[in-house]
Amino acid sequence: MKRTTVKLPEDLDARLRQEAARRRTTIAEVTREALEAHLGPGEHRRLIAAKAGRSGRTDISERIEEILLREVGP
């Protein structure tokens, strides 16, 4: 894992420390989770609009696992 230094305003630092204490975890773990939530998972695409529009296909619900595996990967 790589170490990174980040400068935070005092109020944000206090909220971060409070959240880590509430969860009984480390500041680093809360920070990693927040960054992952904001930036999305590594090299995988996010399905922002999984049901946008109509494809004209009637077998989508039957093939959803195959489609997701192809689009998102394991």
N, C-alpha and C. Protein backbone atom coordinates (compact mmCIF):
# COMPACT_ATOMS: atom_id res chain seq x y z
N MET A 1 0.84 -1.17 0.00
CA MET A 1 0.00 0.00 0.00
C MET A 1 0.89 1.24 0.00
N LYS A 2 0.44 2.28 -0.62
CA LYS A 2 1.19 3.53 -0.72
C LYS A 2 0.70 4.52 0.32
N ARG A 3 1.63 5.25 0.92
CA ARG A 3 1.28 6.28 1.91
C ARG A 3 1.12 7.61 1.19
N THR A 4 0.07 8.35 1.56
CA THR A 4 -0.20 9.67 0.99
C THR A 4 -0.52 10.64 2.12
N THR A 5 0.00 11.83 2.02
CA THR A 5 -0.28 12.87 3.02
C THR A 5 -1.28 13.84 2.43
N VAL A 6 -2.31 14.15 3.21
CA VAL A 6 -3.36 15.06 2.76
C VAL A 6 -3.56 16.12 3.83
N LYS A 7 -3.63 17.37 3.42
CA LYS A 7 -3.92 18.45 4.36
C LYS A 7 -5.43 18.68 4.39
N LEU A 8 -5.99 18.69 5.60
CA LEU A 8 -7.43 18.85 5.77
C LEU A 8 -7.73 20.06 6.64
N PRO A 9 -8.84 20.72 6.39
CA PRO A 9 -9.28 21.76 7.31
C PRO A 9 -9.57 21.10 8.67
N GLU A 10 -9.43 21.86 9.74
CA GLU A 10 -9.59 21.30 11.08
C GLU A 10 -10.94 20.65 11.30
N ASP A 11 -12.02 21.26 10.79
CA ASP A 11 -13.34 20.69 11.00
C ASP A 11 -13.51 19.35 10.28
N LEU A 12 -12.94 19.21 9.09
CA LEU A 12 -13.02 17.94 8.36
C LEU A 12 -12.18 16.88 9.06
N ASP A 13 -11.02 17.25 9.55
CA ASP A 13 -10.17 16.33 10.29
C ASP A 13 -10.91 15.82 11.53
N ALA A 14 -11.59 16.72 12.22
CA ALA A 14 -12.33 16.33 13.42
C ALA A 14 -13.45 15.36 13.07
N ARG A 15 -14.17 15.62 11.98
CA ARG A 15 -15.25 14.72 11.56
C ARG A 15 -14.70 13.36 11.15
N LEU A 16 -13.56 13.36 10.48
CA LEU A 16 -12.93 12.11 10.06
C LEU A 16 -12.53 11.28 11.29
N ARG A 17 -11.90 11.91 12.25
CA ARG A 17 -11.49 11.22 13.48
C ARG A 17 -12.69 10.71 14.27
N GLN A 18 -13.75 11.52 14.31
CA GLN A 18 -14.96 11.12 15.02
C GLN A 18 -15.59 9.89 14.35
N GLU A 19 -15.63 9.89 13.02
CA GLU A 19 -16.21 8.75 12.29
C GLU A 19 -15.38 7.49 12.50
N ALA A 20 -14.07 7.61 12.47
CA ALA A 20 -13.20 6.45 12.70
C ALA A 20 -13.41 5.90 14.12
N ALA A 21 -13.53 6.79 15.09
CA ALA A 21 -13.76 6.36 16.47
C ALA A 21 -15.12 5.69 16.61
N ARG A 22 -16.13 6.27 15.95
CA ARG A 22 -17.48 5.70 16.02
C ARG A 22 -17.51 4.29 15.47
N ARG A 23 -16.78 4.07 14.36
CA ARG A 23 -16.74 2.75 13.72
C ARG A 23 -15.72 1.81 14.36
N ARG A 24 -14.90 2.38 15.25
CA ARG A 24 -13.81 1.62 15.87
C ARG A 24 -12.87 1.05 14.80
N THR A 25 -12.46 1.93 13.92
CA THR A 25 -11.53 1.58 12.86
C THR A 25 -10.51 2.70 12.73
N THR A 26 -9.65 2.60 11.74
CA THR A 26 -8.60 3.60 11.57
C THR A 26 -9.06 4.75 10.69
N ILE A 27 -8.38 5.87 10.83
CA ILE A 27 -8.63 7.03 9.97
C ILE A 27 -8.32 6.64 8.53
N ALA A 28 -7.27 5.86 8.33
CA ALA A 28 -6.89 5.42 6.98
C ALA A 28 -8.00 4.61 6.33
N GLU A 29 -8.64 3.73 7.08
CA GLU A 29 -9.71 2.91 6.52
C GLU A 29 -10.91 3.76 6.12
N VAL A 30 -11.30 4.69 6.96
CA VAL A 30 -12.43 5.58 6.63
C VAL A 30 -12.08 6.41 5.40
N THR A 31 -10.85 6.88 5.32
CA THR A 31 -10.41 7.68 4.18
C THR A 31 -10.43 6.85 2.90
N ARG A 32 -9.91 5.62 2.97
CA ARG A 32 -9.93 4.74 1.78
C ARG A 32 -11.36 4.49 1.31
N GLU A 33 -12.26 4.21 2.26
CA GLU A 33 -13.65 3.96 1.89
C GLU A 33 -14.29 5.18 1.24
N ALA A 34 -14.00 6.35 1.78
CA ALA A 34 -14.57 7.58 1.22
C ALA A 34 -14.05 7.84 -0.19
N LEU A 35 -12.75 7.63 -0.38
CA LEU A 35 -12.17 7.84 -1.71
C LEU A 35 -12.71 6.83 -2.71
N GLU A 36 -12.84 5.59 -2.28
CA GLU A 36 -13.39 4.55 -3.16
C GLU A 36 -14.84 4.89 -3.55
N ALA A 37 -15.61 5.36 -2.58
CA ALA A 37 -17.00 5.72 -2.87
C ALA A 37 -17.08 6.90 -3.84
N HIS A 38 -16.16 7.84 -3.70
CA HIS A 38 -16.16 9.03 -4.55
C HIS A 38 -15.61 8.73 -5.95
N LEU A 39 -14.52 7.97 -6.01
CA LEU A 39 -13.85 7.72 -7.29
C LEU A 39 -14.36 6.47 -7.99
N GLY A 40 -15.05 5.62 -7.28
CA GLY A 40 -15.52 4.37 -7.86
C GLY A 40 -14.45 3.31 -7.77
N PRO A 41 -14.85 2.07 -8.00
CA PRO A 41 -13.90 0.97 -7.90
C PRO A 41 -12.82 1.04 -8.97
N GLY A 42 -11.65 0.53 -8.66
CA GLY A 42 -10.49 0.50 -9.53
C GLY A 42 -10.71 0.65 -11.02
N GLU A 43 -10.56 -0.42 -11.74
CA GLU A 43 -10.64 -0.35 -13.20
C GLU A 43 -12.00 -0.77 -13.74
N HIS A 44 -12.96 -0.94 -12.85
CA HIS A 44 -14.28 -1.35 -13.29
C HIS A 44 -15.14 -0.14 -13.61
N ARG A 45 -16.00 -0.28 -14.60
CA ARG A 45 -16.93 0.78 -14.92
C ARG A 45 -18.11 0.74 -13.97
N ARG A 46 -18.69 1.88 -13.68
CA ARG A 46 -19.89 1.93 -12.86
C ARG A 46 -21.10 1.92 -13.78
N LEU A 47 -22.11 1.17 -13.38
CA LEU A 47 -23.35 1.13 -14.16
C LEU A 47 -24.27 2.23 -13.64
N ILE A 48 -24.09 3.43 -14.16
CA ILE A 48 -24.83 4.58 -13.68
C ILE A 48 -26.30 4.50 -14.08
N ALA A 49 -26.58 4.04 -15.26
CA ALA A 49 -27.96 3.98 -15.72
C ALA A 49 -28.24 2.60 -16.29
N ALA A 50 -28.35 1.62 -15.42
CA ALA A 50 -28.51 0.24 -15.87
C ALA A 50 -29.82 0.02 -16.61
N LYS A 51 -30.84 0.82 -16.32
CA LYS A 51 -32.14 0.60 -16.95
C LYS A 51 -32.56 1.78 -17.82
N ALA A 52 -31.62 2.49 -18.37
CA ALA A 52 -31.95 3.65 -19.20
C ALA A 52 -32.31 3.20 -20.61
N GLY A 53 -33.49 3.53 -21.03
CA GLY A 53 -33.91 3.21 -22.39
C GLY A 53 -34.40 1.79 -22.54
N ARG A 54 -34.78 1.46 -23.75
CA ARG A 54 -35.29 0.13 -24.05
C ARG A 54 -34.43 -0.48 -25.13
N SER A 55 -34.04 -1.71 -24.93
CA SER A 55 -33.18 -2.38 -25.90
C SER A 55 -33.99 -3.10 -26.97
N GLY A 56 -35.27 -3.37 -26.68
CA GLY A 56 -36.07 -4.14 -27.62
C GLY A 56 -35.92 -5.63 -27.39
N ARG A 57 -35.03 -6.01 -26.49
CA ARG A 57 -34.82 -7.43 -26.18
C ARG A 57 -35.73 -7.83 -25.04
N THR A 58 -36.18 -9.06 -25.06
CA THR A 58 -37.09 -9.54 -24.01
C THR A 58 -36.40 -10.50 -23.04
N ASP A 59 -35.13 -10.81 -23.28
CA ASP A 59 -34.45 -11.81 -22.45
C ASP A 59 -33.42 -11.21 -21.49
N ILE A 60 -33.44 -9.91 -21.30
CA ILE A 60 -32.43 -9.24 -20.48
C ILE A 60 -32.42 -9.78 -19.05
N SER A 61 -33.59 -9.90 -18.44
CA SER A 61 -33.63 -10.37 -17.05
C SER A 61 -33.11 -11.79 -16.93
N GLU A 62 -33.28 -12.60 -17.95
CA GLU A 62 -32.77 -13.97 -17.93
C GLU A 62 -31.26 -14.01 -18.13
N ARG A 63 -30.71 -13.01 -18.80
CA ARG A 63 -29.28 -12.99 -19.14
C ARG A 63 -28.47 -12.00 -18.30
N ILE A 64 -29.07 -11.46 -17.23
CA ILE A 64 -28.42 -10.37 -16.50
C ILE A 64 -27.04 -10.74 -15.98
N GLU A 65 -26.87 -11.96 -15.46
CA GLU A 65 -25.56 -12.37 -14.94
C GLU A 65 -24.51 -12.37 -16.05
N GLU A 66 -24.86 -12.91 -17.20
CA GLU A 66 -23.96 -12.94 -18.36
C GLU A 66 -23.61 -11.52 -18.81
N ILE A 67 -24.58 -10.66 -18.88
CA ILE A 67 -24.38 -9.28 -19.31
C ILE A 67 -23.48 -8.53 -18.33
N LEU A 68 -23.76 -8.64 -17.04
CA LEU A 68 -22.95 -7.96 -16.04
C LEU A 68 -21.52 -8.48 -16.05
N LEU A 69 -21.35 -9.78 -16.19
CA LEU A 69 -20.01 -10.35 -16.22
C LEU A 69 -19.22 -9.79 -17.41
N ARG A 70 -19.87 -9.66 -18.55
CA ARG A 70 -19.23 -9.14 -19.75
C ARG A 70 -18.90 -7.64 -19.60
N GLU A 71 -19.84 -6.88 -19.02
CA GLU A 71 -19.67 -5.44 -18.91
C GLU A 71 -18.77 -5.03 -17.75
N VAL A 72 -18.90 -5.67 -16.62
CA VAL A 72 -18.21 -5.26 -15.41
C VAL A 72 -17.03 -6.16 -15.10
N GLY A 73 -17.15 -7.42 -15.44
CA GLY A 73 -16.11 -8.39 -15.13
C GLY A 73 -16.34 -9.03 -13.78
N PRO A 74 -15.50 -9.99 -13.43
CA PRO A 74 -15.68 -10.73 -12.16
C PRO A 74 -15.39 -9.87 -10.95
